[in-house]
Amino acid sequence: MDATNRLSAIAAEMRKLQNQIQEHRRVLNFLLISVRTMDPAMKEACIHATRERIEGLEERQQALRVEQEDLIVCDVTRGHRGD
């Protein structure tokens, strides 16, 4: 896959990840604020799992940012060298 196509794919995946992160944050806020009828141990397990999922999504998003920056730097470097 050439750099332009990969950059496009990265941008699309980052948008998808951002949407997923926002959705999980809404779930987390709901759990933290309003679920009083749920068993406390189950509620805590759900909160923990949701936080871990958010962290995993954010880690993937950061990895994509690094890849995106590397691709841009490589493209610019090649452009300056005339490759």
PDB file of N, CA and C in Angstrom:
ATOM      1  N   MET A   1       0.857  -1.172   0.000  1.00  0.00           N
ATOM      2  CA  MET A   1       0.000   0.000   0.000  1.00  0.00           C
ATOM      3  C   MET A   1       0.907   1.239   0.000  1.00  0.00           C
ATOM      4  N   ASP A   2       0.648   2.167  -0.911  1.00  0.00           N
ATOM      5  CA  ASP A   2       1.473   3.368  -0.945  1.00  0.00           C
ATOM      6  C   ASP A   2       1.104   4.297   0.213  1.00  0.00           C
ATOM      7  N   ALA A   3       1.961   5.291   0.439  1.00  0.00           N
ATOM      8  CA  ALA A   3       1.805   6.172   1.601  1.00  0.00           C
ATOM      9  C   ALA A   3       0.471   6.917   1.588  1.00  0.00           C
ATOM     10  N   THR A   4       0.054   7.388   0.423  1.00  0.00           N
ATOM     11  CA  THR A   4      -1.195   8.149   0.341  1.00  0.00           C
ATOM     12  C   THR A   4      -2.386   7.293   0.747  1.00  0.00           C
ATOM     13  N   ASN A   5      -2.435   6.081   0.233  1.00  0.00           N
ATOM     14  CA  ASN A   5      -3.535   5.179   0.593  1.00  0.00           C
ATOM     15  C   ASN A   5      -3.491   4.809   2.073  1.00  0.00           C
ATOM     16  N   ARG A   6      -2.279   4.576   2.581  1.00  0.00           N
ATOM     17  CA  ARG A   6      -2.156   4.214   3.997  1.00  0.00           C
ATOM     18  C   ARG A   6      -2.574   5.384   4.890  1.00  0.00           C
ATOM     19  N   LEU A   7      -2.185   6.604   4.515  1.00  0.00           N
ATOM     20  CA  LEU A   7      -2.592   7.774   5.292  1.00  0.00           C
ATOM     21  C   LEU A   7      -4.110   7.919   5.311  1.00  0.00           C
ATOM     22  N   SER A   8      -4.731   7.644   4.188  1.00  0.00           N
ATOM     23  CA  SER A   8      -6.190   7.702   4.112  1.00  0.00           C
ATOM     24  C   SER A   8      -6.818   6.639   5.012  1.00  0.00           C
ATOM     25  N   ALA A   9      -6.254   5.440   4.980  1.00  0.00           N
ATOM     26  CA  ALA A   9      -6.767   4.351   5.822  1.00  0.00           C
ATOM     27  C   ALA A   9      -6.578   4.674   7.304  1.00  0.00           C
ATOM     28  N   ILE A  10      -5.442   5.269   7.641  1.00  0.00           N
ATOM     29  CA  ILE A  10      -5.180   5.653   9.028  1.00  0.00           C
ATOM     30  C   ILE A  10      -6.206   6.683   9.490  1.00  0.00           C
ATOM     31  N   ALA A  11      -6.455   7.684   8.653  1.00  0.00           N
ATOM     32  CA  ALA A  11      -7.428   8.726   9.011  1.00  0.00           C
ATOM     33  C   ALA A  11      -8.809   8.118   9.257  1.00  0.00           C
ATOM     34  N   ALA A  12      -9.209   7.191   8.408  1.00  0.00           N
ATOM     35  CA  ALA A  12     -10.517   6.544   8.570  1.00  0.00           C
ATOM     36  C   ALA A  12     -10.567   5.733   9.861  1.00  0.00           C
ATOM     37  N   GLU A  13      -9.500   4.995  10.143  1.00  0.00           N
ATOM     38  CA  GLU A  13      -9.478   4.187  11.361  1.00  0.00           C
ATOM     39  C   GLU A  13      -9.459   5.078  12.606  1.00  0.00           C
ATOM     40  N   MET A  14      -8.742   6.199  12.529  1.00  0.00           N
ATOM     41  CA  MET A  14      -8.699   7.113  13.671  1.00  0.00           C
ATOM     42  C   MET A  14     -10.071   7.721  13.954  1.00  0.00           C
ATOM     43  N   ARG A  15     -10.819   8.034  12.901  1.00  0.00           N
ATOM     44  CA  ARG A  15     -12.187   8.542  13.101  1.00  0.00           C
ATOM     45  C   ARG A  15     -13.053   7.479  13.774  1.00  0.00           C
ATOM     46  N   LYS A  16     -12.916   6.246  13.310  1.00  0.00           N
ATOM     47  CA  LYS A  16     -13.682   5.139  13.888  1.00  0.00           C
ATOM     48  C   LYS A  16     -13.310   4.941  15.365  1.00  0.00           C
ATOM     49  N   LEU A  17     -12.019   4.974  15.653  1.00  0.00           N
ATOM     50  CA  LEU A  17     -11.568   4.824  17.033  1.00  0.00           C
ATOM     51  C   LEU A  17     -12.097   5.947  17.916  1.00  0.00           C
ATOM     52  N   GLN A  18     -12.069   7.173  17.404  1.00  0.00           N
ATOM     53  CA  GLN A  18     -12.560   8.306  18.182  1.00  0.00           C
ATOM     54  C   GLN A  18     -14.041   8.136  18.513  1.00  0.00           C
ATOM     55  N   ASN A  19     -14.805   7.668  17.552  1.00  0.00           N
ATOM     56  CA  ASN A  19     -16.229   7.409  17.805  1.00  0.00           C
ATOM     57  C   ASN A  19     -16.414   6.329  18.867  1.00  0.00           C
ATOM     58  N   GLN A  20     -15.600   5.271  18.788  1.00  0.00           N
ATOM     59  CA  GLN A  20     -15.691   4.198  19.776  1.00  0.00           C
ATOM     60  C   GLN A  20     -15.305   4.695  21.166  1.00  0.00           C
ATOM     61  N   ILE A  21     -14.262   5.511  21.230  1.00  0.00           N
ATOM     62  CA  ILE A  21     -13.830   6.065  22.516  1.00  0.00           C
ATOM     63  C   ILE A  21     -14.944   6.912  23.121  1.00  0.00           C
ATOM     64  N   GLN A  22     -15.555   7.763  22.313  1.00  0.00           N
ATOM     65  CA  GLN A  22     -16.647   8.601  22.813  1.00  0.00           C
ATOM     66  C   GLN A  22     -17.813   7.753  23.311  1.00  0.00           C
ATOM     67  N   GLU A  23     -18.151   6.715  22.582  1.00  0.00           N
ATOM     68  CA  GLU A  23     -19.254   5.843  22.996  1.00  0.00           C
ATOM     69  C   GLU A  23     -18.928   5.152  24.321  1.00  0.00           C
ATOM     70  N   HIS A  24     -17.707   4.646  24.457  1.00  0.00           N
ATOM     71  CA  HIS A  24     -17.321   3.986  25.705  1.00  0.00           C
ATOM     72  C   HIS A  24     -17.286   4.981  26.869  1.00  0.00           C
ATOM     73  N   ARG A  25     -16.894   6.214  26.605  1.00  0.00           N
ATOM     74  CA  ARG A  25     -16.920   7.230  27.669  1.00  0.00           C
ATOM     75  C   ARG A  25     -18.349   7.527  28.109  1.00  0.00           C
ATOM     76  N   ARG A  26     -19.279   7.533  27.162  1.00  0.00           N
ATOM     77  CA  ARG A  26     -20.689   7.727  27.530  1.00  0.00           C
ATOM     78  C   ARG A  26     -21.167   6.578  28.420  1.00  0.00           C
ATOM     79  N   VAL A  27     -20.798   5.356  28.052  1.00  0.00           N
ATOM     80  CA  VAL A  27     -21.164   4.186  28.862  1.00  0.00           C
ATOM     81  C   VAL A  27     -20.551   4.303  30.250  1.00  0.00           C
ATOM     82  N   LEU A  28     -19.273   4.674  30.300  1.00  0.00           N
ATOM     83  CA  LEU A  28     -18.592   4.815  31.582  1.00  0.00           C
ATOM     84  C   LEU A  28     -19.277   5.871  32.452  1.00  0.00           C
ATOM     85  N   ASN A  29     -19.598   7.009  31.869  1.00  0.00           N
ATOM     86  CA  ASN A  29     -20.295   8.054  32.625  1.00  0.00           C
ATOM     87  C   ASN A  29     -21.643   7.561  33.134  1.00  0.00           C
ATOM     88  N   PHE A  30     -22.355   6.829  32.293  1.00  0.00           N
ATOM     89  CA  PHE A  30     -23.638   6.262  32.713  1.00  0.00           C
ATOM     90  C   PHE A  30     -23.444   5.338  33.913  1.00  0.00           C
ATOM     91  N   LEU A  31     -22.434   4.477  33.831  1.00  0.00           N
ATOM     92  CA  LEU A  31     -22.173   3.547  34.928  1.00  0.00           C
ATOM     93  C   LEU A  31     -21.787   4.284  36.205  1.00  0.00           C
ATOM     94  N   LEU A  32     -20.978   5.309  36.067  1.00  0.00           N
ATOM     95  CA  LEU A  32     -20.512   6.044  37.242  1.00  0.00           C
ATOM     96  C   LEU A  32     -21.620   6.852  37.903  1.00  0.00           C
ATOM     97  N   ILE A  33     -22.545   7.347  37.103  1.00  0.00           N
ATOM     98  CA  ILE A  33     -23.549   8.279  37.621  1.00  0.00           C
ATOM     99  C   ILE A  33     -24.858   7.615  38.006  1.00  0.00           C
ATOM    100  N   SER A  34     -25.372   6.724  37.186  1.00  0.00           N
ATOM    101  CA  SER A  34     -26.787   6.412  37.348  1.00  0.00           C
ATOM    102  C   SER A  34     -27.180   4.972  37.618  1.00  0.00           C
ATOM    103  N   VAL A  35     -26.312   4.028  37.533  1.00  0.00           N
ATOM    104  CA  VAL A  35     -26.741   2.638  37.711  1.00  0.00           C
ATOM    105  C   VAL A  35     -26.670   2.274  39.197  1.00  0.00           C
ATOM    106  N   ARG A  36     -27.776   2.472  39.879  1.00  0.00           N
ATOM    107  CA  ARG A  36     -27.824   2.192  41.323  1.00  0.00           C
ATOM    108  C   ARG A  36     -28.400   0.809  41.626  1.00  0.00           C
ATOM    109  N   THR A  37     -29.121   0.257  40.693  1.00  0.00           N
ATOM    110  CA  THR A  37     -29.766  -1.035  40.932  1.00  0.00           C
ATOM    111  C   THR A  37     -28.845  -2.209  40.629  1.00  0.00           C
ATOM    112  N   MET A  38     -27.734  -1.949  39.993  1.00  0.00           N
ATOM    113  CA  MET A  38     -26.807  -3.019  39.626  1.00  0.00           C
ATOM    114  C   MET A  38     -26.010  -3.465  40.859  1.00  0.00           C
ATOM    115  N   ASP A  39     -25.726  -4.743  40.918  1.00  0.00           N
ATOM    116  CA  ASP A  39     -24.867  -5.283  41.963  1.00  0.00           C
ATOM    117  C   ASP A  39     -23.545  -4.506  41.961  1.00  0.00           C
ATOM    118  N   PRO A  40     -23.092  -4.019  43.127  1.00  0.00           N
ATOM    119  CA  PRO A  40     -21.875  -3.197  43.171  1.00  0.00           C
ATOM    120  C   PRO A  40     -20.641  -3.876  42.567  1.00  0.00           C
ATOM    121  N   ALA A  41     -20.485  -5.166  42.797  1.00  0.00           N
ATOM    122  CA  ALA A  41     -19.335  -5.877  42.231  1.00  0.00           C
ATOM    123  C   ALA A  41     -19.429  -5.935  40.707  1.00  0.00           C
ATOM    124  N   MET A  42     -20.629  -6.176  40.203  1.00  0.00           N
ATOM    125  CA  MET A  42     -20.826  -6.222  38.755  1.00  0.00           C
ATOM    126  C   MET A  42     -20.602  -4.834  38.147  1.00  0.00           C
ATOM    127  N   LYS A  43     -21.119  -3.820  38.835  1.00  0.00           N
ATOM    128  CA  LYS A  43     -20.947  -2.447  38.357  1.00  0.00           C
ATOM    129  C   LYS A  43     -19.459  -2.113  38.277  1.00  0.00           C
ATOM    130  N   GLU A  44     -18.715  -2.441  39.321  1.00  0.00           N
ATOM    131  CA  GLU A  44     -17.275  -2.165  39.335  1.00  0.00           C
ATOM    132  C   GLU A  44     -16.555  -2.931  38.228  1.00  0.00           C
ATOM    133  N   ALA A  45     -16.953  -4.162  37.988  1.00  0.00           N
ATOM    134  CA  ALA A  45     -16.347  -4.948  36.908  1.00  0.00           C
ATOM    135  C   ALA A  45     -16.622  -4.303  35.547  1.00  0.00           C
ATOM    136  N   CYS A  46     -17.833  -3.817  35.359  1.00  0.00           N
ATOM    137  CA  CYS A  46     -18.185  -3.142  34.099  1.00  0.00           C
ATOM    138  C   CYS A  46     -17.392  -1.854  33.931  1.00  0.00           C
ATOM    139  N   ILE A  47     -17.265  -1.100  35.010  1.00  0.00           N
ATOM    140  CA  ILE A  47     -16.486   0.144  34.965  1.00  0.00           C
ATOM    141  C   ILE A  47     -15.038  -0.165  34.610  1.00  0.00           C
ATOM    142  N   HIS A  48     -14.478  -1.165  35.263  1.00  0.00           N
ATOM    143  CA  HIS A  48     -13.084  -1.554  35.005  1.00  0.00           C
ATOM    144  C   HIS A  48     -12.898  -2.000  33.554  1.00  0.00           C
ATOM    145  N   ALA A  49     -13.793  -2.831  33.067  1.00  0.00           N
ATOM    146  CA  ALA A  49     -13.698  -3.326  31.687  1.00  0.00           C
ATOM    147  C   ALA A  49     -13.832  -2.184  30.683  1.00  0.00           C
ATOM    148  N   THR A  50     -14.720  -1.252  30.961  1.00  0.00           N
ATOM    149  CA  THR A  50     -14.914  -0.113  30.057  1.00  0.00           C
ATOM    150  C   THR A  50     -13.680   0.769  30.046  1.00  0.00           C
ATOM    151  N   ARG A  51     -13.107   1.020  31.208  1.00  0.00           N
ATOM    152  CA  ARG A  51     -11.874   1.821  31.279  1.00  0.00           C
ATOM    153  C   ARG A  51     -10.737   1.144  30.518  1.00  0.00           C
ATOM    154  N   GLU A  52     -10.613  -0.164  30.679  1.00  0.00           N
ATOM    155  CA  GLU A  52      -9.568  -0.893  29.953  1.00  0.00           C
ATOM    156  C   GLU A  52      -9.781  -0.812  28.445  1.00  0.00           C
ATOM    157  N   ARG A  53     -11.015  -0.910  28.020  1.00  0.00           N
ATOM    158  CA  ARG A  53     -11.328  -0.817  26.588  1.00  0.00           C
ATOM    159  C   ARG A  53     -10.961   0.564  26.055  1.00  0.00           C
ATOM    160  N   ILE A  54     -11.286   1.603  26.811  1.00  0.00           N
ATOM    161  CA  ILE A  54     -10.930   2.963  26.401  1.00  0.00           C
ATOM    162  C   ILE A  54      -9.412   3.092  26.287  1.00  0.00           C
ATOM    163  N   GLU A  55      -8.690   2.576  27.272  1.00  0.00           N
ATOM    164  CA  GLU A  55      -7.226   2.634  27.237  1.00  0.00           C
ATOM    165  C   GLU A  55      -6.675   1.910  26.014  1.00  0.00           C
ATOM    166  N   GLY A  56      -7.231   0.751  25.702  1.00  0.00           N
ATOM    167  CA  GLY A  56      -6.787   0.005  24.524  1.00  0.00           C
ATOM    168  C   GLY A  56      -7.039   0.768  23.234  1.00  0.00           C
ATOM    169  N   LEU A  57      -8.201   1.389  23.135  1.00  0.00           N
ATOM    170  CA  LEU A  57      -8.525   2.182  21.946  1.00  0.00           C
ATOM    171  C   LEU A  57      -7.601   3.392  21.835  1.00  0.00           C
ATOM    172  N   GLU A  58      -7.319   4.038  22.965  1.00  0.00           N
ATOM    173  CA  GLU A  58      -6.424   5.193  22.952  1.00  0.00           C
ATOM    174  C   GLU A  58      -4.998   4.791  22.583  1.00  0.00           C
ATOM    175  N   GLU A  59      -4.562   3.618  23.032  1.00  0.00           N
ATOM    176  CA  GLU A  59      -3.233   3.124  22.655  1.00  0.00           C
ATOM    177  C   GLU A  59      -3.158   2.868  21.153  1.00  0.00           C
ATOM    178  N   ARG A  60      -4.190   2.271  20.599  1.00  0.00           N
ATOM    179  CA  ARG A  60      -4.232   2.034  19.150  1.00  0.00           C
ATOM    180  C   ARG A  60      -4.226   3.359  18.397  1.00  0.00           C
ATOM    181  N   GLN A  61      -4.982   4.321  18.897  1.00  0.00           N
ATOM    182  CA  GLN A  61      -5.039   5.635  18.266  1.00  0.00           C
ATOM    183  C   GLN A  61      -3.651   6.293  18.285  1.00  0.00           C
ATOM    184  N   GLN A  62      -2.944   6.176  19.400  1.00  0.00           N
ATOM    185  CA  GLN A  62      -1.600   6.751  19.494  1.00  0.00           C
ATOM    186  C   GLN A  62      -0.644   6.054  18.529  1.00  0.00           C
ATOM    187  N   ALA A  63      -0.739   4.749  18.412  1.00  0.00           N
ATOM    188  CA  ALA A  63       0.114   4.016  17.468  1.00  0.00           C
ATOM    189  C   ALA A  63      -0.150   4.480  16.036  1.00  0.00           C
ATOM    190  N   LEU A  64      -1.401   4.724  15.717  1.00  0.00           N
ATOM    191  CA  LEU A  64      -1.740   5.218  14.379  1.00  0.00           C
ATOM    192  C   LEU A  64      -1.192   6.624  14.154  1.00  0.00           C
ATOM    193  N   ARG A  65      -1.221   7.466  15.185  1.00  0.00           N
ATOM    194  CA  ARG A  65      -0.652   8.816  15.057  1.00  0.00           C
ATOM    195  C   ARG A  65       0.844   8.746  14.751  1.00  0.00           C
ATOM    196  N   VAL A  66       1.537   7.856  15.452  1.00  0.00           N
ATOM    197  CA  VAL A  66       2.972   7.691  15.225  1.00  0.00           C
ATOM    198  C   VAL A  66       3.223   7.214  13.797  1.00  0.00           C
ATOM    199  N   GLU A  67       2.469   6.225  13.353  1.00  0.00           N
ATOM    200  CA  GLU A  67       2.621   5.729  11.985  1.00  0.00           C
ATOM    201  C   GLU A  67       2.323   6.834  10.976  1.00  0.00           C
ATOM    202  N   GLN A  68       1.284   7.601  11.239  1.00  0.00           N
ATOM    203  CA  GLN A  68       0.904   8.702  10.353  1.00  0.00           C
ATOM    204  C   GLN A  68       2.044   9.724  10.253  1.00  0.00           C
ATOM    205  N   GLU A  69       2.604  10.095  11.392  1.00  0.00           N
ATOM    206  CA  GLU A  69       3.714  11.051  11.399  1.00  0.00           C
ATOM    207  C   GLU A  69       4.919  10.499  10.651  1.00  0.00           C
ATOM    208  N   ASP A  70       5.233   9.226  10.862  1.00  0.00           N
ATOM    209  CA  ASP A  70       6.359   8.600  10.166  1.00  0.00           C
ATOM    210  C   ASP A  70       6.159   8.612   8.658  1.00  0.00           C
ATOM    211  N   LEU A  71       4.957   8.297   8.220  1.00  0.00           N
ATOM    212  CA  LEU A  71       4.671   8.303   6.783  1.00  0.00           C
ATOM    213  C   LEU A  71       4.805   9.704   6.197  1.00  0.00           C
ATOM    214  N   ILE A  72       4.334  10.694   6.921  1.00  0.00           N
ATOM    215  CA  ILE A  72       4.429  12.073   6.439  1.00  0.00           C
ATOM    216  C   ILE A  72       5.891  12.503   6.359  1.00  0.00           C
ATOM    217  N   VAL A  73       6.666  12.194   7.392  1.00  0.00           N
ATOM    218  CA  VAL A  73       8.086  12.551   7.394  1.00  0.00           C
ATOM    219  C   VAL A  73       8.810  11.858   6.242  1.00  0.00           C
ATOM    220  N   CYS A  74       8.539  10.587   6.028  1.00  0.00           N
ATOM    221  CA  CYS A  74       9.176   9.853   4.920  1.00  0.00           C
ATOM    222  C   CYS A  74       8.799  10.467   3.579  1.00  0.00           C
ATOM    223  N   ASP A  75       7.543  10.814   3.424  1.00  0.00           N
ATOM    224  CA  ASP A  75       7.076  11.418   2.174  1.00  0.00           C
ATOM    225  C   ASP A  75       7.755  12.761   1.930  1.00  0.00           C
ATOM    226  N   VAL A  76       7.836  13.579   2.972  1.00  0.00           N
ATOM    227  CA  VAL A  76       8.474  14.892   2.843  1.00  0.00           C
ATOM    228  C   VAL A  76       9.957  14.727   2.552  1.00  0.00           C
ATOM    229  N   THR A  77      10.602  13.802   3.248  1.00  0.00           N
ATOM    230  CA  THR A  77      12.031  13.558   3.039  1.00  0.00           C
ATOM    231  C   THR A  77      12.302  13.110   1.611  1.00  0.00           C
ATOM    232  N   ARG A  78      11.493  12.199   1.110  1.00  0.00           N
ATOM    233  CA  ARG A  78      11.645  11.751  -0.280  1.00  0.00           C
ATOM    234  C   ARG A  78      11.421  12.895  -1.256  1.00  0.00           C
ATOM    235  N   GLY A  79      10.464  13.754  -0.946  1.00  0.00           N
ATOM    236  CA  GLY A  79      10.172  14.896  -1.808  1.00  0.00           C
ATOM    237  C   GLY A  79      11.341  15.856  -1.890  1.00  0.00           C
ATOM    238  N   HIS A  80      12.025  16.053  -0.764  1.00  0.00           N
ATOM    239  CA  HIS A  80      13.172  16.960  -0.748  1.00  0.00           C
ATOM    240  C   HIS A  80      14.381  16.354  -1.447  1.00  0.00           C
ATOM    241  N   ARG A  81      14.492  15.037  -1.421  1.00  0.00           N
ATOM    242  CA  ARG A  81      15.611  14.369  -2.094  1.00  0.00           C
ATOM    243  C   ARG A  81      15.331  14.161  -3.567  1.00  0.00           C
ATOM    244  N   GLY A  82      14.097  14.323  -3.960  1.00  0.00           N
ATOM    245  CA  GLY A  82      13.747  14.127  -5.363  1.00  0.00           C
ATOM    246  C   GLY A  82      13.487  12.691  -5.747  1.00  0.00           C
ATOM    247  N   ASP A  83      13.200  11.841  -4.755  1.00  0.00           N
ATOM    248  CA  ASP A  83      12.907  10.416  -5.040  1.00  0.00           C
ATOM    249  C   ASP A  83      11.577  10.263  -5.717  1.00  0.00           C
TER     250      ASP A  83
END
